[in-house]
Amino acid sequence: MQMKGSIRQRWGKLTGDDLEIVAGSKDKLVDRIQGRYGMAKEDAEAQFDDWCRTVRIPESRSQRAGTT
């Protein structure tokens, strides 16, 4: 999946197991980023939000989510 690859590219310390545990949950992903990189939760959330602004969600996924 492209999203997992993009996440792994941005946060290389995250493992495949981490991404399986996260399973699409923002809060779980932020917790994993925080833990792997030893940063404050606010910093992990800021990094995640910055990443979200730069990543491109495939059209088929955004339509399923009800966005345009």
C-alpha atoms as a PDB file:
ATOM      1  CA  MET A   1       0.000   0.000   0.000  1.00  0.00           C
ATOM      2  CA  GLN A   2       1.316   3.440  -0.907  1.00  0.00           C
ATOM      3  CA  MET A   3       0.358   5.035   2.411  1.00  0.00           C
ATOM      4  CA  LYS A   4       2.422   2.547   4.408  1.00  0.00           C
ATOM      5  CA  GLY A   5       5.380   3.175   2.128  1.00  0.00           C
ATOM      6  CA  SER A   6       5.037   6.909   2.557  1.00  0.00           C
ATOM      7  CA  ILE A   7       4.808   6.532   6.334  1.00  0.00           C
ATOM      8  CA  ARG A   8       7.870   4.268   6.415  1.00  0.00           C
ATOM      9  CA  GLN A   9       9.766   6.721   4.218  1.00  0.00           C
ATOM     10  CA  ARG A  10       8.949   9.627   6.563  1.00  0.00           C
ATOM     11  CA  TRP A  11       9.424   7.708   9.834  1.00  0.00           C
ATOM     12  CA  GLY A  12      11.972   5.006   9.064  1.00  0.00           C
ATOM     13  CA  LYS A  13      12.141   3.774  12.644  1.00  0.00           C
ATOM     14  CA  LEU A  14       8.569   2.467  12.411  1.00  0.00           C
ATOM     15  CA  THR A  15       8.408  -1.242  11.708  1.00  0.00           C
ATOM     16  CA  GLY A  16       5.926  -3.264   9.694  1.00  0.00           C
ATOM     17  CA  ASP A  17       4.536  -4.497  13.007  1.00  0.00           C
ATOM     18  CA  ASP A  18       4.035  -0.895  14.125  1.00  0.00           C
ATOM     19  CA  LEU A  19       1.999  -0.187  11.018  1.00  0.00           C
ATOM     20  CA  GLU A  20      -0.104  -3.310  11.512  1.00  0.00           C
ATOM     21  CA  ILE A  21      -0.865  -2.253  15.096  1.00  0.00           C
ATOM     22  CA  VAL A  22      -1.710   1.290  13.971  1.00  0.00           C
ATOM     23  CA  ALA A  23      -4.182  -0.013  11.350  1.00  0.00           C
ATOM     24  CA  GLY A  24      -5.284   3.427  10.153  1.00  0.00           C
ATOM     25  CA  SER A  25      -5.642   5.083  13.566  1.00  0.00           C
ATOM     26  CA  LYS A  26      -4.143   8.567  13.759  1.00  0.00           C
ATOM     27  CA  ASP A  27      -3.856   8.414  17.547  1.00  0.00           C
ATOM     28  CA  LYS A  28      -2.048   5.077  17.456  1.00  0.00           C
ATOM     29  CA  LEU A  29       0.309   6.290  14.734  1.00  0.00           C
ATOM     30  CA  VAL A  30       1.121   9.461  16.675  1.00  0.00           C
ATOM     31  CA  ASP A  31       1.774   7.318  19.770  1.00  0.00           C
ATOM     32  CA  ARG A  32       4.141   5.088  17.783  1.00  0.00           C
ATOM     33  CA  ILE A  33       5.980   8.079  16.309  1.00  0.00           C
ATOM     34  CA  GLN A  34       6.279   9.576  19.772  1.00  0.00           C
ATOM     35  CA  GLY A  35       7.652   6.360  21.230  1.00  0.00           C
ATOM     36  CA  ARG A  36      10.092   5.478  18.450  1.00  0.00           C
ATOM     37  CA  TYR A  37      11.535   8.974  18.226  1.00  0.00           C
ATOM     38  CA  GLY A  38      11.327   9.937  21.908  1.00  0.00           C
ATOM     39  CA  MET A  39       9.487  13.183  21.314  1.00  0.00           C
ATOM     40  CA  ALA A  40       6.627  15.016  22.951  1.00  0.00           C
ATOM     41  CA  LYS A  41       3.137  14.048  21.805  1.00  0.00           C
ATOM     42  CA  GLU A  42       2.562  17.585  20.498  1.00  0.00           C
ATOM     43  CA  ASP A  43       5.668  17.316  18.309  1.00  0.00           C
ATOM     44  CA  ALA A  44       4.593  13.922  16.963  1.00  0.00           C
ATOM     45  CA  GLU A  45       1.136  15.319  16.175  1.00  0.00           C
ATOM     46  CA  ALA A  46       2.689  18.331  14.421  1.00  0.00           C
ATOM     47  CA  GLN A  47       4.884  16.036  12.296  1.00  0.00           C
ATOM     48  CA  PHE A  48       1.860  13.902  11.422  1.00  0.00           C
ATOM     49  CA  ASP A  49      -0.191  16.965  10.468  1.00  0.00           C
ATOM     50  CA  ASP A  50       2.660  18.269   8.285  1.00  0.00           C
ATOM     51  CA  TRP A  51       2.947  14.863   6.606  1.00  0.00           C
ATOM     52  CA  CYS A  52      -0.825  14.806   5.957  1.00  0.00           C
ATOM     53  CA  ARG A  53      -0.581  18.136   4.154  1.00  0.00           C
ATOM     54  CA  THR A  54       2.116  16.806   1.828  1.00  0.00           C
ATOM     55  CA  VAL A  55       0.873  13.278   1.120  1.00  0.00           C
ATOM     56  CA  ARG A  56      -1.521  12.662  -1.731  1.00  0.00           C
ATOM     57  CA  ILE A  57      -4.413  10.283  -1.096  1.00  0.00           C
ATOM     58  CA  PRO A  58      -5.355   8.259  -4.193  1.00  0.00           C
ATOM     59  CA  GLU A  59      -8.663   9.360  -5.743  1.00  0.00           C
ATOM     60  CA  SER A  60     -10.403   6.028  -5.105  1.00  0.00           C
ATOM     61  CA  ARG A  61      -9.635   6.217  -1.353  1.00  0.00           C
ATOM     62  CA  SER A  62     -10.832   9.790  -1.003  1.00  0.00           C
ATOM     63  CA  GLN A  63     -14.096   8.934  -2.766  1.00  0.00           C
ATOM     64  CA  ARG A  64     -14.706   5.996  -0.441  1.00  0.00           C
ATOM     65  CA  ALA A  65     -14.110   8.274   2.514  1.00  0.00           C
ATOM     66  CA  GLY A  66     -16.807  10.602   1.222  1.00  0.00           C
ATOM     67  CA  THR A  67     -14.475  13.450   0.295  1.00  0.00           C
ATOM     68  CA  THR A  68     -13.950  15.070  -3.060  1.00  0.00           C
END
